[in-house]
Amino acid sequence: MLEDIEQIISVLFSVWGTEKGLFKRGREGMLVLTSKRIAFVSKTKMNINWWRDEVKMQLKSFKQSSNTIRVSDEYTIERLTRDLLDETNINISIKQVLVVEFEQKRWGSELKIKFEQNDGVKMHKFAIVKGWTTYPVKDPVAFLYVDWKPWISALKSNM
């Protein structure tokens, strides 16, 4: 029965997510991979100081290794379930995923996920942010080069 219990595989912070399409603006959030879903959480009940600590730890771990499999001791399934009650967060069942791939751009690494939804096929792109500008609006200015292969392998092994 362990197969039925959802487990978090990876939690990535400070991720810039955009939906492919005209006039679609990106937003900052967490990219969460579980044994049953992919979630992009931009609205969370998480404390801002805890968020900053997680981002600092993530940057340190990426300096040692570019592996995108990273687990947070504090971010649990219960917190994810609570955050997914907000409909602005993206919740994709692994069964809905059609294509997942990544591309190394000159500015960083980008993960692309194409999936089915009630209103058709959608594509979202995700990149991990290294630095931000806050004026006039918060936007990323630098992205990290990371290895998305372990993340994609973990996703495909649960499909």
Protein backbone atom coordinates (compact mmCIF):
# COMPACT_ATOMS: atom_id res chain seq x y z
CA MET A 1 0.00 0.00 0.00
CA LEU A 2 3.01 2.36 0.09
CA GLU A 3 2.40 3.07 -3.60
CA ASP A 4 -0.82 4.94 -2.71
CA ILE A 5 0.89 7.33 -0.29
CA GLU A 6 1.99 10.53 -1.97
CA GLN A 7 5.58 11.51 -1.22
CA ILE A 8 7.53 14.64 -2.06
CA ILE A 9 10.46 13.92 -4.36
CA SER A 10 11.80 17.44 -4.90
CA VAL A 11 11.03 21.00 -3.79
CA LEU A 12 12.70 23.87 -5.63
CA PHE A 13 12.39 27.45 -4.41
CA SER A 14 12.73 30.76 -6.23
CA VAL A 15 11.45 29.30 -9.50
CA TRP A 16 10.19 31.57 -12.27
CA GLY A 17 7.23 29.94 -13.99
CA THR A 18 5.56 31.12 -17.18
CA GLU A 19 2.75 29.75 -19.27
CA LYS A 20 3.43 29.75 -22.97
CA GLY A 21 1.18 32.23 -24.71
CA LEU A 22 0.67 35.81 -25.68
CA PHE A 23 0.51 38.27 -22.77
CA LYS A 24 1.35 35.60 -20.17
CA ARG A 25 3.43 37.04 -17.32
CA GLY A 26 5.69 34.88 -15.23
CA ARG A 27 5.62 34.59 -11.47
CA GLU A 28 7.80 33.36 -8.65
CA GLY A 29 7.02 30.20 -6.74
CA MET A 30 8.04 26.71 -5.67
CA LEU A 31 8.19 23.80 -8.08
CA VAL A 32 7.19 20.63 -6.25
CA LEU A 33 7.46 17.12 -7.66
CA THR A 34 5.66 14.36 -5.80
CA SER A 35 4.99 10.73 -6.63
CA LYS A 36 1.59 11.79 -8.02
CA ARG A 37 1.78 15.40 -9.20
CA ILE A 38 3.74 18.45 -10.25
CA ALA A 39 2.76 21.62 -8.43
CA PHE A 40 3.81 25.19 -8.97
CA VAL A 41 2.98 27.08 -5.78
CA SER A 42 3.06 30.85 -6.05
CA LYS A 43 0.62 31.54 -3.20
CA THR A 44 1.68 29.93 0.06
CA LYS A 45 1.02 30.29 3.77
CA MET A 46 4.77 29.94 4.34
CA ASN A 47 6.62 32.47 6.52
CA ILE A 48 8.80 34.87 4.46
CA ASN A 49 11.84 34.29 6.71
CA TRP A 50 11.56 30.54 6.25
CA TRP A 51 11.31 31.08 2.47
CA ARG A 52 14.52 33.17 2.48
CA ASP A 53 16.35 30.51 4.51
CA GLU A 54 15.27 27.80 2.06
CA VAL A 55 16.46 29.89 -0.92
CA LYS A 56 19.86 30.44 0.75
CA MET A 57 20.24 26.71 1.45
CA GLN A 58 19.22 25.92 -2.12
CA LEU A 59 21.82 28.30 -3.57
CA LYS A 60 24.50 26.70 -1.38
CA SER A 61 23.51 23.21 -2.54
CA PHE A 62 23.56 24.32 -6.21
CA LYS A 63 27.11 25.62 -5.74
CA GLN A 64 28.11 22.08 -4.74
CA SER A 65 25.97 20.24 -7.31
CA SER A 66 23.56 21.24 -10.08
CA ASN A 67 21.24 18.31 -9.26
CA THR A 68 17.59 19.46 -9.11
CA ILE A 69 16.44 16.74 -6.71
CA ARG A 70 16.21 18.67 -3.45
CA VAL A 71 13.97 17.96 -0.49
CA SER A 72 12.94 20.45 2.18
CA ASP A 73 12.54 19.17 5.74
CA GLU A 74 9.94 21.85 6.42
CA TYR A 75 7.77 21.66 3.29
CA THR A 76 5.56 18.60 3.74
CA ILE A 77 2.64 16.97 1.91
CA GLU A 78 0.31 18.60 4.42
CA ARG A 79 1.65 22.07 3.55
CA LEU A 80 1.41 21.30 -0.17
CA THR A 81 -2.18 20.11 0.20
CA ARG A 82 -3.08 23.30 2.07
CA ASP A 83 -1.33 25.49 -0.54
CA LEU A 84 -3.11 23.74 -3.42
CA LEU A 85 -6.47 24.90 -2.03
CA ASP A 86 -5.62 28.28 -3.59
CA GLU A 87 -6.69 27.97 -7.23
CA THR A 88 -3.96 30.32 -8.48
CA ASN A 89 -1.44 27.55 -7.79
CA ILE A 90 -0.88 25.01 -10.56
CA ASN A 91 -1.62 21.35 -9.88
CA ILE A 92 -0.74 18.87 -12.64
CA SER A 93 -1.35 15.16 -12.22
CA ILE A 94 1.55 13.09 -13.51
CA LYS A 95 -0.98 11.28 -15.73
CA GLN A 96 -1.71 14.59 -17.54
CA VAL A 97 1.93 15.14 -18.57
CA LEU A 98 2.53 14.71 -22.30
CA VAL A 99 6.09 15.99 -22.72
CA VAL A 100 8.77 17.03 -20.27
CA GLU A 101 12.15 18.28 -21.45
CA PHE A 102 14.78 20.85 -20.65
CA GLU A 103 16.89 23.17 -22.67
CA GLN A 104 20.16 24.91 -21.88
CA LYS A 105 19.79 28.53 -22.94
CA ARG A 106 22.56 31.10 -22.94
CA TRP A 107 21.00 32.63 -19.79
CA GLY A 108 20.28 29.40 -17.82
CA SER A 109 18.44 26.06 -17.82
CA GLU A 110 14.75 25.89 -18.64
CA LEU A 111 12.35 23.04 -17.89
CA LYS A 112 9.35 22.68 -20.24
CA ILE A 113 6.25 20.72 -19.33
CA LYS A 114 3.43 20.11 -21.79
CA PHE A 115 0.27 18.68 -20.26
CA GLU A 116 -3.43 18.12 -20.85
CA GLN A 117 -6.06 20.12 -19.03
CA ASN A 118 -9.82 20.40 -19.35
CA ASP A 119 -9.50 23.31 -21.75
CA GLY A 120 -6.81 21.76 -23.98
CA VAL A 121 -3.05 21.33 -23.99
CA LYS A 122 -0.88 23.79 -22.06
CA MET A 123 2.86 24.40 -21.85
CA HIS A 124 4.65 25.84 -18.85
CA LYS A 125 8.32 26.77 -18.57
CA PHE A 126 10.32 26.90 -15.35
CA ALA A 127 13.76 28.26 -14.49
CA ILE A 128 15.51 28.69 -11.14
CA VAL A 129 16.34 32.31 -10.34
CA LYS A 130 19.75 33.41 -9.15
CA GLY A 131 19.12 37.15 -8.79
CA TRP A 132 16.20 39.59 -8.74
CA THR A 133 15.38 43.20 -9.44
CA THR A 134 12.55 44.73 -7.44
CA TYR A 135 12.02 48.02 -9.24
CA PRO A 136 9.64 48.86 -10.87
CA VAL A 137 8.29 45.30 -10.41
CA LYS A 138 9.93 42.14 -9.11
CA ASP A 139 11.56 40.31 -12.02
CA PRO A 140 14.42 37.85 -12.38
CA VAL A 141 17.70 39.22 -13.73
CA ALA A 142 19.81 36.04 -13.62
CA PHE A 143 19.02 32.33 -13.76
CA LEU A 144 20.95 29.24 -12.70
CA TYR A 145 22.36 26.52 -14.90
CA VAL A 146 21.05 23.33 -13.31
CA ASP A 147 20.79 19.69 -14.29
CA TRP A 148 17.11 18.87 -14.87
CA LYS A 149 17.88 15.24 -15.91
CA PRO A 150 17.45 13.73 -12.39
CA TRP A 151 14.19 15.66 -11.92
CA ILE A 152 12.84 14.46 -15.29
CA SER A 153 13.95 10.87 -14.55
CA ALA A 154 12.15 10.94 -11.19
CA LEU A 155 9.02 12.24 -12.89
CA LYS A 156 9.11 9.59 -15.64
CA SER A 157 9.67 6.79 -13.13
CA ASN A 158 6.35 7.75 -11.50
CA MET A 159 4.37 8.08 -14.75
